[in-house]
Amino acid sequence: VQLQASGGGLVQAGGSLRLSCAASINGFSRYGMGWFRQAPGKEREFVAAISWSGGSTYYRDSVKGRFTISRDNAKNMFYLQMNNLGPEDTAVYYCVADTQDIYHPESPGGYDFNVWGQGTLVTVSS
């Protein structure tokens, strides 16, 4: 298993959760990482991405100011801190990695995520 997400659960609207992703990828600290989500009956969507150093981050508009992506290269881990959650954030969240080192200008951060972990379910009750 290359990416293992954890931290999902049930939370009330306005609450917070922190998702974690443990990566077993050679050269982890060289690659961009991210999070996607898929709500029931909806298409998968980009949530956030972070550069190899953590110096650059990217978010979909609807989570800006509420979600924070971070990483710890010493631990081969990255995270998604989610605050002020709403029912619209209910989804399966997937952690992803781009190990291809090819810039894609049409994508946030230029990433084309080719490694996907299993999802972790986040349910926000109203």
N, C-alpha and C. Protein backbone atom coordinates (compact mmCIF):
# COMPACT_ATOMS: atom_id res chain seq x y z
N VAL A 1 0.86 -1.19 0.00
CA VAL A 1 0.00 0.00 0.00
C VAL A 1 0.89 1.23 0.00
N GLN A 2 0.69 2.13 -0.94
CA GLN A 2 1.54 3.29 -1.03
C GLN A 2 1.01 4.50 -0.28
N LEU A 3 -0.31 4.64 -0.24
CA LEU A 3 -0.93 5.75 0.48
C LEU A 3 -2.05 5.20 1.34
N GLN A 4 -2.05 5.57 2.61
CA GLN A 4 -3.04 5.08 3.56
C GLN A 4 -3.65 6.26 4.28
N ALA A 5 -4.91 6.54 3.97
CA ALA A 5 -5.60 7.66 4.61
C ALA A 5 -6.30 7.21 5.88
N SER A 6 -6.41 8.13 6.81
CA SER A 6 -7.12 7.86 8.06
C SER A 6 -7.64 9.18 8.62
N GLY A 7 -8.50 9.06 9.62
CA GLY A 7 -8.98 10.25 10.31
C GLY A 7 -10.41 10.66 10.01
N GLY A 8 -11.04 9.96 9.08
CA GLY A 8 -12.42 10.29 8.78
C GLY A 8 -13.35 9.91 9.92
N GLY A 9 -14.58 10.36 9.83
CA GLY A 9 -15.55 10.05 10.86
C GLY A 9 -16.78 10.91 10.74
N LEU A 10 -17.59 10.86 11.78
CA LEU A 10 -18.83 11.63 11.84
C LEU A 10 -18.60 12.86 12.72
N VAL A 11 -18.99 14.01 12.21
CA VAL A 11 -18.82 15.26 12.95
C VAL A 11 -20.02 16.14 12.69
N GLN A 12 -20.34 16.96 13.67
CA GLN A 12 -21.45 17.89 13.49
C GLN A 12 -21.00 19.10 12.68
N ALA A 13 -21.94 19.72 12.03
CA ALA A 13 -21.65 20.93 11.27
C ALA A 13 -20.97 21.95 12.18
N GLY A 14 -19.96 22.59 11.63
CA GLY A 14 -19.17 23.54 12.41
C GLY A 14 -17.98 22.92 13.09
N GLY A 15 -17.91 21.61 13.08
CA GLY A 15 -16.82 20.91 13.74
C GLY A 15 -15.59 20.78 12.86
N SER A 16 -14.61 20.06 13.38
CA SER A 16 -13.33 19.90 12.69
C SER A 16 -12.91 18.44 12.66
N LEU A 17 -12.12 18.12 11.66
CA LEU A 17 -11.48 16.82 11.55
C LEU A 17 -10.11 17.03 10.93
N ARG A 18 -9.20 16.12 11.27
CA ARG A 18 -7.88 16.13 10.65
C ARG A 18 -7.65 14.79 9.98
N LEU A 19 -7.51 14.83 8.68
CA LEU A 19 -7.18 13.62 7.93
C LEU A 19 -5.67 13.48 7.84
N SER A 20 -5.22 12.25 7.89
CA SER A 20 -3.80 11.96 7.74
C SER A 20 -3.60 10.98 6.60
N CYS A 21 -2.45 11.06 5.96
CA CYS A 21 -2.11 10.11 4.92
C CYS A 21 -0.67 9.67 5.13
N ALA A 22 -0.50 8.38 5.33
CA ALA A 22 0.83 7.80 5.48
C ALA A 22 1.28 7.29 4.11
N ALA A 23 2.45 7.74 3.69
CA ALA A 23 2.94 7.41 2.36
C ALA A 23 4.14 6.49 2.43
N SER A 24 4.08 5.42 1.66
CA SER A 24 5.24 4.55 1.52
C SER A 24 5.70 4.64 0.07
N ILE A 25 6.20 5.79 -0.28
CA ILE A 25 6.63 6.11 -1.65
C ILE A 25 8.10 6.49 -1.60
N ASN A 26 8.90 5.83 -2.40
CA ASN A 26 10.31 6.21 -2.48
C ASN A 26 10.42 7.63 -3.01
N GLY A 27 11.23 8.43 -2.34
CA GLY A 27 11.38 9.81 -2.77
C GLY A 27 10.19 10.69 -2.42
N PHE A 28 9.49 10.33 -1.37
CA PHE A 28 8.27 11.06 -0.97
C PHE A 28 8.49 12.57 -0.97
N SER A 29 9.59 13.01 -0.40
CA SER A 29 9.82 14.45 -0.22
C SER A 29 10.04 15.18 -1.53
N ARG A 30 10.11 14.48 -2.65
CA ARG A 30 10.30 15.12 -3.95
C ARG A 30 8.99 15.44 -4.65
N TYR A 31 7.88 14.89 -4.15
CA TYR A 31 6.65 14.90 -4.93
C TYR A 31 5.54 15.75 -4.32
N GLY A 32 4.69 16.24 -5.20
CA GLY A 32 3.48 16.90 -4.75
C GLY A 32 2.45 15.90 -4.27
N MET A 33 1.70 16.31 -3.27
CA MET A 33 0.67 15.45 -2.68
C MET A 33 -0.65 16.20 -2.65
N GLY A 34 -1.73 15.49 -2.50
CA GLY A 34 -3.01 16.17 -2.49
C GLY A 34 -4.14 15.34 -1.91
N TRP A 35 -5.30 15.97 -1.95
CA TRP A 35 -6.53 15.32 -1.50
C TRP A 35 -7.63 15.58 -2.52
N PHE A 36 -8.39 14.54 -2.80
CA PHE A 36 -9.61 14.62 -3.59
C PHE A 36 -10.75 14.12 -2.72
N ARG A 37 -11.97 14.37 -3.16
CA ARG A 37 -13.12 13.82 -2.47
C ARG A 37 -14.21 13.48 -3.48
N GLN A 38 -15.07 12.57 -3.05
CA GLN A 38 -16.21 12.20 -3.87
C GLN A 38 -17.43 12.04 -2.97
N ALA A 39 -18.39 12.89 -3.20
CA ALA A 39 -19.64 12.84 -2.46
C ALA A 39 -20.59 11.84 -3.13
N PRO A 40 -21.54 11.32 -2.38
CA PRO A 40 -22.49 10.36 -2.95
C PRO A 40 -23.20 10.95 -4.16
N GLY A 41 -23.15 10.23 -5.25
CA GLY A 41 -23.84 10.65 -6.46
C GLY A 41 -23.18 11.77 -7.22
N LYS A 42 -22.00 12.14 -6.81
CA LYS A 42 -21.30 13.25 -7.47
C LYS A 42 -19.96 12.80 -8.02
N GLU A 43 -19.40 13.63 -8.87
CA GLU A 43 -18.10 13.32 -9.43
C GLU A 43 -17.00 13.63 -8.40
N ARG A 44 -15.92 12.94 -8.59
CA ARG A 44 -14.75 13.20 -7.76
C ARG A 44 -14.23 14.60 -8.03
N GLU A 45 -13.77 15.29 -6.99
CA GLU A 45 -13.28 16.65 -7.17
C GLU A 45 -12.01 16.91 -6.38
N PHE A 46 -11.20 17.77 -6.93
CA PHE A 46 -9.97 18.19 -6.28
C PHE A 46 -10.31 18.99 -5.02
N VAL A 47 -9.53 18.77 -3.97
CA VAL A 47 -9.72 19.52 -2.74
C VAL A 47 -8.51 20.42 -2.44
N ALA A 48 -7.32 19.81 -2.41
CA ALA A 48 -6.13 20.57 -2.02
C ALA A 48 -4.89 19.84 -2.50
N ALA A 49 -3.82 20.62 -2.67
CA ALA A 49 -2.53 20.05 -3.05
C ALA A 49 -1.43 20.82 -2.37
N ILE A 50 -0.28 20.16 -2.24
CA ILE A 50 0.86 20.79 -1.59
C ILE A 50 2.12 20.39 -2.35
N SER A 51 3.02 21.33 -2.48
CA SER A 51 4.26 21.08 -3.21
C SER A 51 5.21 20.21 -2.38
N TRP A 52 6.29 19.79 -3.02
CA TRP A 52 7.22 18.86 -2.36
C TRP A 52 7.77 19.43 -1.06
N SER A 53 7.98 20.74 -1.03
CA SER A 53 8.57 21.36 0.16
C SER A 53 7.53 21.82 1.16
N GLY A 54 6.27 21.85 0.71
CA GLY A 54 5.24 22.44 1.55
C GLY A 54 5.13 23.94 1.37
N GLY A 55 5.96 24.50 0.53
CA GLY A 55 5.98 25.94 0.37
C GLY A 55 4.84 26.50 -0.46
N SER A 56 4.23 25.64 -1.25
CA SER A 56 3.09 26.07 -2.07
C SER A 56 1.90 25.16 -1.81
N THR A 57 0.75 25.77 -1.67
CA THR A 57 -0.48 25.01 -1.47
C THR A 57 -1.56 25.53 -2.39
N TYR A 58 -2.50 24.68 -2.69
CA TYR A 58 -3.57 24.98 -3.63
C TYR A 58 -4.87 24.39 -3.09
N TYR A 59 -5.97 25.13 -3.27
CA TYR A 59 -7.26 24.70 -2.72
C TYR A 59 -8.37 24.97 -3.73
N ARG A 60 -9.39 24.15 -3.66
CA ARG A 60 -10.59 24.51 -4.39
C ARG A 60 -11.24 25.66 -3.64
N ASP A 61 -11.98 26.47 -4.36
CA ASP A 61 -12.50 27.70 -3.78
C ASP A 61 -13.38 27.45 -2.56
N SER A 62 -14.16 26.40 -2.60
CA SER A 62 -15.15 26.17 -1.54
C SER A 62 -14.53 25.80 -0.20
N VAL A 63 -13.24 25.45 -0.17
CA VAL A 63 -12.62 25.07 1.10
C VAL A 63 -11.57 26.08 1.55
N LYS A 64 -11.29 27.06 0.72
CA LYS A 64 -10.30 28.06 1.11
C LYS A 64 -10.71 28.76 2.40
N GLY A 65 -9.74 28.90 3.30
CA GLY A 65 -10.02 29.52 4.58
C GLY A 65 -10.56 28.56 5.63
N ARG A 66 -10.94 27.36 5.22
CA ARG A 66 -11.45 26.36 6.16
C ARG A 66 -10.53 25.15 6.25
N PHE A 67 -9.93 24.75 5.15
CA PHE A 67 -9.07 23.57 5.10
C PHE A 67 -7.62 24.01 4.97
N THR A 68 -6.74 23.22 5.57
CA THR A 68 -5.31 23.45 5.45
C THR A 68 -4.59 22.14 5.18
N ILE A 69 -3.83 22.12 4.10
CA ILE A 69 -3.02 20.95 3.79
C ILE A 69 -1.60 21.19 4.28
N SER A 70 -1.00 20.16 4.81
CA SER A 70 0.38 20.28 5.30
C SER A 70 1.07 18.93 5.13
N ARG A 71 2.37 18.94 5.33
CA ARG A 71 3.11 17.69 5.20
C ARG A 71 4.29 17.67 6.15
N ASP A 72 4.73 16.47 6.47
CA ASP A 72 5.91 16.26 7.30
C ASP A 72 6.80 15.28 6.55
N ASN A 73 7.77 15.81 5.83
CA ASN A 73 8.61 14.94 4.99
C ASN A 73 9.47 13.98 5.82
N ALA A 74 9.77 14.36 7.04
CA ALA A 74 10.57 13.48 7.89
C ALA A 74 9.79 12.22 8.27
N LYS A 75 8.47 12.34 8.27
CA LYS A 75 7.63 11.21 8.67
C LYS A 75 6.90 10.57 7.49
N ASN A 76 7.12 11.09 6.30
CA ASN A 76 6.39 10.60 5.10
C ASN A 76 4.88 10.67 5.33
N MET A 77 4.44 11.78 5.85
CA MET A 77 3.03 11.98 6.15
C MET A 77 2.56 13.31 5.56
N PHE A 78 1.29 13.36 5.21
CA PHE A 78 0.67 14.65 4.94
C PHE A 78 -0.74 14.64 5.48
N TYR A 79 -1.31 15.85 5.60
CA TYR A 79 -2.51 16.02 6.39
C TYR A 79 -3.50 16.98 5.72
N LEU A 80 -4.72 16.88 6.15
CA LEU A 80 -5.74 17.85 5.74
C LEU A 80 -6.52 18.22 7.00
N GLN A 81 -6.28 19.43 7.49
CA GLN A 81 -7.03 19.94 8.61
C GLN A 81 -8.29 20.61 8.08
N MET A 82 -9.43 20.15 8.54
CA MET A 82 -10.71 20.65 8.04
C MET A 82 -11.47 21.28 9.19
N ASN A 83 -11.73 22.57 9.06
CA ASN A 83 -12.45 23.31 10.09
C ASN A 83 -13.77 23.83 9.55
N ASN A 84 -14.66 24.15 10.44
CA ASN A 84 -15.96 24.70 10.08
C ASN A 84 -16.63 23.85 8.99
N LEU A 85 -16.69 22.58 9.26
CA LEU A 85 -17.25 21.64 8.28
C LEU A 85 -18.74 21.83 8.13
N GLY A 86 -19.19 21.61 6.93
CA GLY A 86 -20.62 21.66 6.63
C GLY A 86 -21.07 20.39 5.95
N PRO A 87 -22.37 20.17 5.89
CA PRO A 87 -22.88 18.94 5.24
C PRO A 87 -22.37 18.77 3.81
N GLU A 88 -22.07 19.87 3.15
CA GLU A 88 -21.57 19.79 1.77
C GLU A 88 -20.17 19.20 1.69
N ASP A 89 -19.51 19.06 2.82
CA ASP A 89 -18.18 18.46 2.85
C ASP A 89 -18.24 16.94 3.03
N THR A 90 -19.43 16.42 3.22
CA THR A 90 -19.58 14.97 3.35
C THR A 90 -19.13 14.27 2.07
N ALA A 91 -18.19 13.35 2.22
CA ALA A 91 -17.63 12.67 1.05
C ALA A 91 -16.61 11.64 1.52
N VAL A 92 -16.22 10.80 0.59
CA VAL A 92 -15.05 9.96 0.78
C VAL A 92 -13.83 10.78 0.32
N TYR A 93 -12.87 10.90 1.18
CA TYR A 93 -11.66 11.69 0.90
C TYR A 93 -10.51 10.74 0.57
N TYR A 94 -9.82 11.07 -0.53
CA TYR A 94 -8.71 10.25 -1.01
C TYR A 94 -7.42 11.05 -0.97
N CYS A 95 -6.37 10.44 -0.46
CA CYS A 95 -5.07 11.09 -0.55
C CYS A 95 -4.37 10.59 -1.80
N VAL A 96 -3.64 11.50 -2.43
CA VAL A 96 -3.07 11.23 -3.74
C VAL A 96 -1.65 11.78 -3.83
N ALA A 97 -0.90 11.23 -4.78
CA ALA A 97 0.46 11.68 -5.01
C ALA A 97 0.73 11.79 -6.51
N ASP A 98 1.56 12.75 -6.87
CA ASP A 98 2.02 12.88 -8.25
C ASP A 98 3.50 12.55 -8.26
N THR A 99 3.85 11.37 -8.77
CA THR A 99 5.25 10.93 -8.79
C THR A 99 5.85 11.03 -10.18
N GLN A 100 5.17 11.74 -11.08
CA GLN A 100 5.60 11.73 -12.47
C GLN A 100 6.52 12.88 -12.86
N ASP A 101 6.57 13.92 -12.06
CA ASP A 101 7.44 15.06 -12.34
C ASP A 101 7.21 15.67 -13.71
N ILE A 102 5.97 15.73 -14.14
CA ILE A 102 5.62 16.39 -15.40
C ILE A 102 4.64 17.50 -15.07
N TYR A 103 4.93 18.69 -15.52
CA TYR A 103 4.08 19.84 -15.18
C TYR A 103 2.86 19.87 -16.10
N HIS A 104 1.69 20.01 -15.49
CA HIS A 104 0.43 20.10 -16.22
C HIS A 104 -0.18 21.45 -15.92
N PRO A 105 -0.03 22.43 -16.80
CA PRO A 105 -0.46 23.80 -16.51
C PRO A 105 -1.95 23.96 -16.27
N GLU A 106 -2.75 23.01 -16.72
CA GLU A 106 -4.20 23.14 -16.56
C GLU A 106 -4.68 22.70 -15.19
N SER A 107 -3.78 22.14 -14.40
CA SER A 107 -4.19 21.59 -13.10
C SER A 107 -3.64 22.42 -11.95
N PRO A 108 -4.34 22.44 -10.82
CA PRO A 108 -3.82 23.17 -9.65
C PRO A 108 -2.43 22.67 -9.27
N GLY A 109 -1.48 23.58 -9.23
CA GLY A 109 -0.12 23.20 -8.90
C GLY A 109 0.61 22.48 -10.01
N GLY A 110 -0.06 22.24 -11.11
CA GLY A 110 0.56 21.54 -12.23
C GLY A 110 0.63 20.04 -12.07
N TYR A 111 -0.13 19.50 -11.13
CA TYR A 111 -0.03 18.09 -10.80
C TYR A 111 -1.02 17.23 -11.59
N ASP A 112 -0.60 16.02 -11.86
CA ASP A 112 -1.46 14.98 -12.41
C ASP A 112 -1.29 13.78 -11.49
N PHE A 113 -2.15 13.64 -10.54
CA PHE A 113 -1.98 12.66 -9.48
C PHE A 113 -2.18 11.24 -10.01
N ASN A 114 -1.14 10.44 -9.88
CA ASN A 114 -1.15 9.10 -10.45
C ASN A 114 -1.18 8.00 -9.40
N VAL A 115 -1.01 8.35 -8.14
CA VAL A 115 -1.05 7.36 -7.07
C VAL A 115 -2.20 7.73 -6.14
N TRP A 116 -3.08 6.76 -5.90
CA TRP A 116 -4.28 7.01 -5.09
C TRP A 116 -4.32 6.05 -3.92
N GLY A 117 -4.69 6.59 -2.79
CA GLY A 117 -4.90 5.74 -1.63
C GLY A 117 -6.36 5.33 -1.53
N GLN A 118 -6.64 4.51 -0.54
CA GLN A 118 -8.03 4.17 -0.30
C GLN A 118 -8.68 5.36 0.37
N GLY A 119 -9.96 5.48 0.32
CA GLY A 119 -10.63 6.64 0.86
C GLY A 119 -10.93 6.51 2.34
N THR A 120 -11.20 7.65 2.94
CA THR A 120 -11.70 7.70 4.30
C THR A 120 -12.95 8.55 4.31
N LEU A 121 -13.99 8.04 4.94
CA LEU A 121 -15.30 8.69 4.87
C LEU A 121 -15.43 9.78 5.91
N VAL A 122 -15.85 10.94 5.44
CA VAL A 122 -16.17 12.06 6.31
C VAL A 122 -17.65 12.34 6.18
N THR A 123 -18.34 12.31 7.29
CA THR A 123 -19.78 12.59 7.30
C THR A 123 -20.04 13.76 8.23
N VAL A 124 -20.67 14.78 7.70
CA VAL A 124 -20.97 15.97 8.50
C VAL A 124 -22.48 16.06 8.65
N SER A 125 -22.93 16.02 9.88
CA SER A 125 -24.37 16.09 10.15
C SER A 125 -24.77 17.54 10.40
N SER A 126 -25.97 17.86 9.95
CA SER A 126 -26.46 19.23 10.10
C SER A 126 -27.18 19.42 11.42
